[in-house]
C-alpha cells in the first residue's frame, strides 16, 4: 500500500520515482510487503536494480491507476510487456533508463500511449 501523497502523484499524472515506491512498500523485516513511510520505518532506501524490484514497484503503481481508471488495463499490461521484453534483450541499466525516461515523458505528454514503444527515448 502506498502513501496518500504517492497515490495523489500517480493519479495526477506526475512522474513518480519507483525507488521511492519500492521503499514505501518494502519492509526490512522478512521482506514482506507492508505500507511504510520510507523515511521512518525503512531508513535504507530501496533501488530498482532488476526486473523483480521493478515489478514490485510497477504493481503498486498500476494498481493505483487501475482502481481509478480501469479502462487503462490493456495499456498498462502492454507497457509491462514492453519492459519485460526489454529485460530479456538488454542490460538492466538500459531498460531501467528507458522506463524512467518514458514515465517522465508521459508525465509531460498526457496523451502518450503506454503500450507502444517510444523509439525516440
N, C-alpha and C. Protein backbone atom coordinates (compact mmCIF):
# COMPACT_ATOMS: atom_id res chain seq x y z
N UNK A 1 0.84 -1.18 0.00
CA UNK A 1 0.00 0.00 0.00
C UNK A 1 0.89 1.25 0.00
N UNK A 2 0.51 2.17 -0.80
CA UNK A 2 1.28 3.40 -0.94
C UNK A 2 0.70 4.51 -0.07
N UNK A 3 1.53 5.50 0.20
CA UNK A 3 1.07 6.67 0.95
C UNK A 3 0.06 7.46 0.12
N UNK A 4 -0.75 8.25 0.78
CA UNK A 4 -1.72 9.10 0.08
C UNK A 4 -1.00 10.07 -0.84
N UNK A 5 0.12 10.58 -0.41
CA UNK A 5 0.89 11.53 -1.21
C UNK A 5 1.35 10.89 -2.53
N UNK A 6 1.87 9.68 -2.44
CA UNK A 6 2.33 8.98 -3.64
C UNK A 6 1.15 8.65 -4.55
N UNK A 7 0.06 8.18 -3.99
CA UNK A 7 -1.13 7.87 -4.79
C UNK A 7 -1.62 9.12 -5.50
N UNK A 8 -1.61 10.24 -4.82
CA UNK A 8 -2.07 11.50 -5.43
C UNK A 8 -1.17 11.86 -6.61
N UNK A 9 0.15 11.71 -6.46
CA UNK A 9 1.07 11.99 -7.56
C UNK A 9 0.79 11.08 -8.75
N UNK A 10 0.58 9.80 -8.48
CA UNK A 10 0.30 8.85 -9.55
C UNK A 10 -0.98 9.24 -10.28
N UNK A 11 -2.03 9.51 -9.54
CA UNK A 11 -3.32 9.79 -10.15
C UNK A 11 -3.37 11.15 -10.85
N UNK A 12 -2.50 12.06 -10.47
CA UNK A 12 -2.46 13.35 -11.15
C UNK A 12 -1.55 13.31 -12.38
N UNK A 13 -0.91 12.17 -12.61
CA UNK A 13 -0.06 12.03 -13.79
C UNK A 13 1.35 12.54 -13.60
N UNK A 14 1.71 12.89 -12.38
CA UNK A 14 3.08 13.34 -12.12
C UNK A 14 4.05 12.17 -12.20
N UNK A 15 5.29 12.48 -12.50
CA UNK A 15 6.30 11.42 -12.51
C UNK A 15 6.55 10.96 -11.08
N UNK A 16 6.67 9.66 -10.91
CA UNK A 16 6.88 9.06 -9.59
C UNK A 16 8.16 8.26 -9.64
N UNK A 17 9.02 8.47 -8.67
CA UNK A 17 10.29 7.75 -8.57
C UNK A 17 10.00 6.34 -8.05
N UNK A 18 10.27 5.33 -8.87
CA UNK A 18 9.98 3.95 -8.46
C UNK A 18 10.87 3.50 -7.31
N UNK A 19 12.03 4.11 -7.12
CA UNK A 19 12.83 3.80 -5.94
C UNK A 19 12.05 4.17 -4.68
N UNK A 20 11.36 5.31 -4.73
CA UNK A 20 10.53 5.73 -3.58
C UNK A 20 9.34 4.79 -3.40
N UNK A 21 8.72 4.41 -4.51
CA UNK A 21 7.59 3.47 -4.43
C UNK A 21 8.05 2.17 -3.78
N UNK A 22 9.17 1.63 -4.25
CA UNK A 22 9.70 0.39 -3.70
C UNK A 22 10.02 0.54 -2.22
N UNK A 23 10.58 1.68 -1.85
CA UNK A 23 10.91 1.93 -0.45
C UNK A 23 9.65 1.98 0.42
N UNK A 24 8.58 2.52 -0.12
CA UNK A 24 7.34 2.61 0.64
C UNK A 24 6.71 1.25 0.89
N UNK A 25 6.81 0.36 -0.07
CA UNK A 25 6.10 -0.91 0.04
C UNK A 25 6.95 -2.05 0.61
N UNK A 26 8.23 -1.81 0.81
CA UNK A 26 9.12 -2.87 1.26
C UNK A 26 9.52 -2.65 2.71
N UNK A 27 9.35 -3.67 3.49
CA UNK A 27 9.77 -3.60 4.90
C UNK A 27 11.11 -4.32 5.06
N UNK A 28 11.90 -3.88 6.01
CA UNK A 28 13.19 -4.53 6.28
C UNK A 28 13.02 -5.91 6.88
N UNK A 29 11.95 -6.11 7.63
CA UNK A 29 11.79 -7.39 8.31
C UNK A 29 11.05 -8.38 7.44
N UNK A 30 11.72 -9.45 7.11
CA UNK A 30 11.10 -10.53 6.36
C UNK A 30 10.87 -10.26 4.89
N UNK A 31 11.15 -9.07 4.42
CA UNK A 31 10.96 -8.77 3.01
C UNK A 31 9.51 -8.72 2.58
N UNK A 32 8.58 -8.70 3.53
CA UNK A 32 7.17 -8.68 3.19
C UNK A 32 6.73 -7.32 2.71
N UNK A 33 5.56 -7.29 2.10
CA UNK A 33 5.00 -6.04 1.61
C UNK A 33 4.12 -5.45 2.69
N UNK A 34 4.48 -4.27 3.13
CA UNK A 34 3.67 -3.54 4.10
C UNK A 34 3.71 -2.07 3.75
N UNK A 35 2.71 -1.35 4.20
CA UNK A 35 2.72 0.09 3.98
C UNK A 35 3.66 0.71 5.00
N UNK A 36 4.64 1.45 4.52
CA UNK A 36 5.59 2.11 5.42
C UNK A 36 5.89 3.49 4.90
N UNK A 37 6.43 4.31 5.77
CA UNK A 37 6.98 5.59 5.36
C UNK A 37 8.47 5.34 5.22
N UNK A 38 8.99 5.52 4.03
CA UNK A 38 10.38 5.19 3.75
C UNK A 38 11.33 5.86 4.72
N UNK A 39 11.04 7.07 5.12
CA UNK A 39 11.94 7.81 5.99
C UNK A 39 11.87 7.36 7.44
N UNK A 40 10.76 6.71 7.85
CA UNK A 40 10.61 6.32 9.24
C UNK A 40 10.93 4.84 9.47
N UNK A 41 10.17 3.96 8.84
CA UNK A 41 10.28 2.55 9.10
C UNK A 41 11.39 1.86 8.31
N UNK A 42 11.81 2.47 7.24
CA UNK A 42 12.77 1.84 6.36
C UNK A 42 13.83 2.85 5.95
N UNK A 43 14.78 3.14 6.85
CA UNK A 43 15.74 4.20 6.56
C UNK A 43 16.65 3.92 5.37
N UNK A 44 16.85 2.65 5.01
CA UNK A 44 17.66 2.34 3.83
C UNK A 44 16.78 2.42 2.59
N UNK A 45 17.08 3.32 1.73
CA UNK A 45 16.28 3.50 0.53
C UNK A 45 16.49 2.33 -0.42
N UNK A 46 15.42 1.81 -0.94
CA UNK A 46 15.47 0.70 -1.89
C UNK A 46 15.67 1.27 -3.29
N UNK A 47 16.26 0.46 -4.16
CA UNK A 47 16.51 0.89 -5.53
C UNK A 47 16.06 -0.18 -6.51
N UNK A 48 15.57 0.26 -7.64
CA UNK A 48 15.20 -0.65 -8.71
C UNK A 48 16.51 -1.11 -9.37
N UNK A 49 16.79 -2.40 -9.26
CA UNK A 49 18.04 -2.94 -9.80
C UNK A 49 17.80 -4.10 -10.76
N UNK A 50 16.61 -4.66 -10.72
CA UNK A 50 16.31 -5.83 -11.54
C UNK A 50 14.81 -5.86 -11.84
N UNK A 51 14.41 -6.83 -12.65
CA UNK A 51 13.01 -6.89 -13.05
C UNK A 51 12.10 -7.21 -11.87
N UNK A 52 12.58 -7.96 -10.91
CA UNK A 52 11.76 -8.28 -9.73
C UNK A 52 11.41 -7.05 -8.92
N UNK A 53 12.41 -6.21 -8.65
CA UNK A 53 12.13 -4.99 -7.87
C UNK A 53 11.29 -4.02 -8.69
N UNK A 54 11.52 -3.96 -10.00
CA UNK A 54 10.70 -3.10 -10.85
C UNK A 54 9.24 -3.57 -10.82
N UNK A 55 9.03 -4.88 -10.92
CA UNK A 55 7.66 -5.41 -10.93
C UNK A 55 6.93 -5.12 -9.62
N UNK A 56 7.64 -5.15 -8.51
CA UNK A 56 7.00 -4.81 -7.23
C UNK A 56 6.53 -3.36 -7.24
N UNK A 57 7.39 -2.46 -7.70
CA UNK A 57 7.02 -1.04 -7.76
C UNK A 57 5.93 -0.82 -8.82
N UNK A 58 6.09 -1.44 -9.97
CA UNK A 58 5.12 -1.30 -11.06
C UNK A 58 3.74 -1.78 -10.62
N UNK A 59 3.68 -2.89 -9.92
CA UNK A 59 2.39 -3.43 -9.47
C UNK A 59 1.67 -2.44 -8.57
N UNK A 60 2.40 -1.81 -7.66
CA UNK A 60 1.78 -0.81 -6.78
C UNK A 60 1.31 0.39 -7.60
N UNK A 61 2.12 0.81 -8.56
CA UNK A 61 1.76 1.94 -9.43
C UNK A 61 0.52 1.59 -10.26
N UNK A 62 0.56 0.45 -10.94
CA UNK A 62 -0.55 0.06 -11.81
C UNK A 62 -1.83 -0.17 -11.01
N UNK A 63 -1.74 -0.77 -9.85
CA UNK A 63 -2.92 -0.97 -9.00
C UNK A 63 -3.60 0.36 -8.69
N UNK A 64 -2.79 1.37 -8.38
CA UNK A 64 -3.33 2.69 -8.06
C UNK A 64 -4.04 3.28 -9.27
N UNK A 65 -3.41 3.19 -10.43
CA UNK A 65 -4.02 3.72 -11.65
C UNK A 65 -5.31 2.97 -11.97
N UNK A 66 -5.26 1.65 -11.90
CA UNK A 66 -6.41 0.85 -12.32
C UNK A 66 -7.61 0.97 -11.40
N UNK A 67 -7.39 1.26 -10.14
CA UNK A 67 -8.53 1.49 -9.25
C UNK A 67 -9.33 2.71 -9.67
N UNK A 68 -8.63 3.71 -10.18
CA UNK A 68 -9.29 4.95 -10.60
C UNK A 68 -9.67 4.94 -12.08
N UNK A 69 -8.89 4.20 -12.89
CA UNK A 69 -9.09 4.20 -14.34
C UNK A 69 -8.98 2.77 -14.89
N UNK A 70 -9.97 1.94 -14.60
CA UNK A 70 -9.88 0.52 -15.00
C UNK A 70 -9.78 0.31 -16.51
N UNK A 71 -10.22 1.26 -17.30
CA UNK A 71 -10.15 1.14 -18.75
C UNK A 71 -8.71 1.14 -19.28
N UNK A 72 -7.74 1.48 -18.45
CA UNK A 72 -6.34 1.54 -18.87
C UNK A 72 -5.60 0.22 -18.70
N UNK A 73 -6.31 -0.83 -18.31
CA UNK A 73 -5.68 -2.12 -18.05
C UNK A 73 -4.86 -2.65 -19.21
N UNK A 74 -5.44 -2.67 -20.39
CA UNK A 74 -4.74 -3.19 -21.57
C UNK A 74 -3.47 -2.40 -21.84
N UNK A 75 -3.56 -1.11 -21.75
CA UNK A 75 -2.43 -0.21 -21.99
C UNK A 75 -1.29 -0.46 -21.00
N UNK A 76 -1.63 -0.61 -19.73
CA UNK A 76 -0.60 -0.81 -18.71
C UNK A 76 0.02 -2.20 -18.78
N UNK A 77 -0.78 -3.20 -19.11
CA UNK A 77 -0.22 -4.54 -19.31
C UNK A 77 0.70 -4.54 -20.53
N UNK A 78 0.33 -3.78 -21.55
CA UNK A 78 1.19 -3.64 -22.72
C UNK A 78 2.53 -3.03 -22.36
N UNK A 79 2.52 -2.02 -21.50
CA UNK A 79 3.78 -1.39 -21.07
C UNK A 79 4.62 -2.38 -20.26
N UNK A 80 3.98 -3.11 -19.38
CA UNK A 80 4.69 -4.12 -18.60
C UNK A 80 5.35 -5.14 -19.53
N UNK A 81 4.66 -5.52 -20.58
CA UNK A 81 5.22 -6.47 -21.56
C UNK A 81 6.42 -5.88 -22.29
N UNK A 82 6.36 -4.59 -22.60
CA UNK A 82 7.49 -3.91 -23.25
C UNK A 82 8.72 -3.97 -22.34
N UNK A 83 8.52 -3.68 -21.07
CA UNK A 83 9.64 -3.70 -20.12
C UNK A 83 10.15 -5.12 -19.93
N UNK A 84 9.26 -6.09 -19.83
CA UNK A 84 9.68 -7.49 -19.68
C UNK A 84 10.51 -7.95 -20.89
N UNK A 85 10.07 -7.57 -22.08
CA UNK A 85 10.82 -7.92 -23.29
C UNK A 85 12.19 -7.23 -23.30
N UNK A 86 12.22 -5.97 -22.93
CA UNK A 86 13.49 -5.23 -22.87
C UNK A 86 14.43 -5.86 -21.85
N UNK A 87 13.87 -6.35 -20.75
CA UNK A 87 14.68 -7.01 -19.74
C UNK A 87 15.38 -8.24 -20.31
N UNK A 88 14.70 -8.96 -21.19
CA UNK A 88 15.30 -10.17 -21.75
C UNK A 88 16.31 -9.87 -22.86
N UNK A 89 16.28 -8.65 -23.40
CA UNK A 89 17.15 -8.31 -24.52
C UNK A 89 18.29 -7.37 -24.16
N UNK A 90 18.17 -6.60 -23.09
CA UNK A 90 19.15 -5.56 -22.78
C UNK A 90 19.60 -5.65 -21.33
N UNK A 91 20.70 -4.99 -21.03
CA UNK A 91 21.16 -4.88 -19.65
C UNK A 91 20.15 -4.07 -18.84
N UNK A 92 20.12 -4.34 -17.54
CA UNK A 92 19.15 -3.65 -16.68
C UNK A 92 19.27 -2.14 -16.78
N UNK A 93 20.49 -1.63 -16.88
CA UNK A 93 20.63 -0.18 -16.92
C UNK A 93 19.92 0.42 -18.13
N UNK A 94 19.85 -0.31 -19.23
CA UNK A 94 19.20 0.21 -20.45
C UNK A 94 17.69 0.28 -20.29
N UNK A 95 17.06 -0.81 -19.86
CA UNK A 95 15.60 -0.77 -19.75
C UNK A 95 15.13 0.05 -18.57
N UNK A 96 15.93 0.12 -17.50
CA UNK A 96 15.57 0.99 -16.38
C UNK A 96 15.62 2.45 -16.82
N UNK A 97 16.63 2.79 -17.61
CA UNK A 97 16.73 4.16 -18.13
C UNK A 97 15.54 4.46 -19.05
N UNK A 98 15.18 3.51 -19.92
CA UNK A 98 14.03 3.70 -20.79
C UNK A 98 12.77 3.92 -19.96
N UNK A 99 12.55 3.07 -18.95
CA UNK A 99 11.36 3.18 -18.11
C UNK A 99 11.28 4.56 -17.45
N UNK A 100 12.37 5.00 -16.86
CA UNK A 100 12.37 6.31 -16.20
C UNK A 100 12.13 7.42 -17.22
N UNK A 101 12.77 7.34 -18.36
CA UNK A 101 12.59 8.36 -19.40
C UNK A 101 11.15 8.36 -19.92
N UNK A 102 10.60 7.17 -20.12
CA UNK A 102 9.24 7.07 -20.63
C UNK A 102 8.24 7.64 -19.64
N UNK A 103 8.37 7.27 -18.36
CA UNK A 103 7.42 7.77 -17.36
C UNK A 103 7.55 9.28 -17.18
N UNK A 104 8.76 9.82 -17.31
CA UNK A 104 8.94 11.28 -17.27
C UNK A 104 8.25 11.91 -18.48
N UNK A 105 8.48 11.36 -19.66
CA UNK A 105 7.85 11.84 -20.89
C UNK A 105 6.32 11.78 -20.76
N UNK A 106 5.81 10.67 -20.23
CA UNK A 106 4.37 10.51 -20.07
C UNK A 106 3.79 11.54 -19.10
N UNK A 107 4.57 11.95 -18.11
CA UNK A 107 4.07 12.95 -17.16
C UNK A 107 3.97 14.33 -17.81
N UNK A 108 4.73 14.55 -18.86
CA UNK A 108 4.72 15.84 -19.56
C UNK A 108 3.79 15.82 -20.78
N UNK A 109 3.56 14.64 -21.32
CA UNK A 109 2.74 14.46 -22.52
C UNK A 109 1.59 13.53 -22.14
N UNK A 110 0.51 14.08 -21.71
CA UNK A 110 -0.57 13.30 -21.11
C UNK A 110 -1.25 12.29 -22.05
N UNK A 111 -1.17 12.47 -23.34
CA UNK A 111 -1.88 11.58 -24.26
C UNK A 111 -0.99 10.50 -24.86
N UNK A 112 0.08 10.15 -24.19
CA UNK A 112 1.02 9.15 -24.67
C UNK A 112 0.40 7.75 -24.56
N UNK A 113 0.73 6.88 -25.51
CA UNK A 113 0.26 5.50 -25.48
C UNK A 113 1.31 4.64 -24.79
N UNK A 114 0.97 4.10 -23.65
CA UNK A 114 1.92 3.34 -22.86
C UNK A 114 2.25 1.99 -23.49
N UNK A 115 1.36 1.46 -24.29
CA UNK A 115 1.58 0.13 -24.85
C UNK A 115 2.29 0.15 -26.19
N UNK A 116 2.92 1.26 -26.51
CA UNK A 116 3.68 1.40 -27.75
C UNK A 116 5.09 1.88 -27.40
N UNK A 117 6.10 1.23 -27.95
CA UNK A 117 7.49 1.63 -27.69
C UNK A 117 7.74 3.00 -28.27
N UNK A 118 8.37 3.86 -27.49
CA UNK A 118 8.77 5.19 -27.96
C UNK A 118 10.23 5.09 -28.38
N UNK A 119 10.48 5.07 -29.66
CA UNK A 119 11.84 4.88 -30.19
C UNK A 119 12.68 6.14 -30.10
N UNK A 120 12.11 7.24 -29.65
CA UNK A 120 12.84 8.49 -29.54
C UNK A 120 13.50 8.67 -28.17
N UNK A 121 13.21 7.77 -27.25
CA UNK A 121 13.78 7.90 -25.90
C UNK A 121 15.09 7.15 -25.80
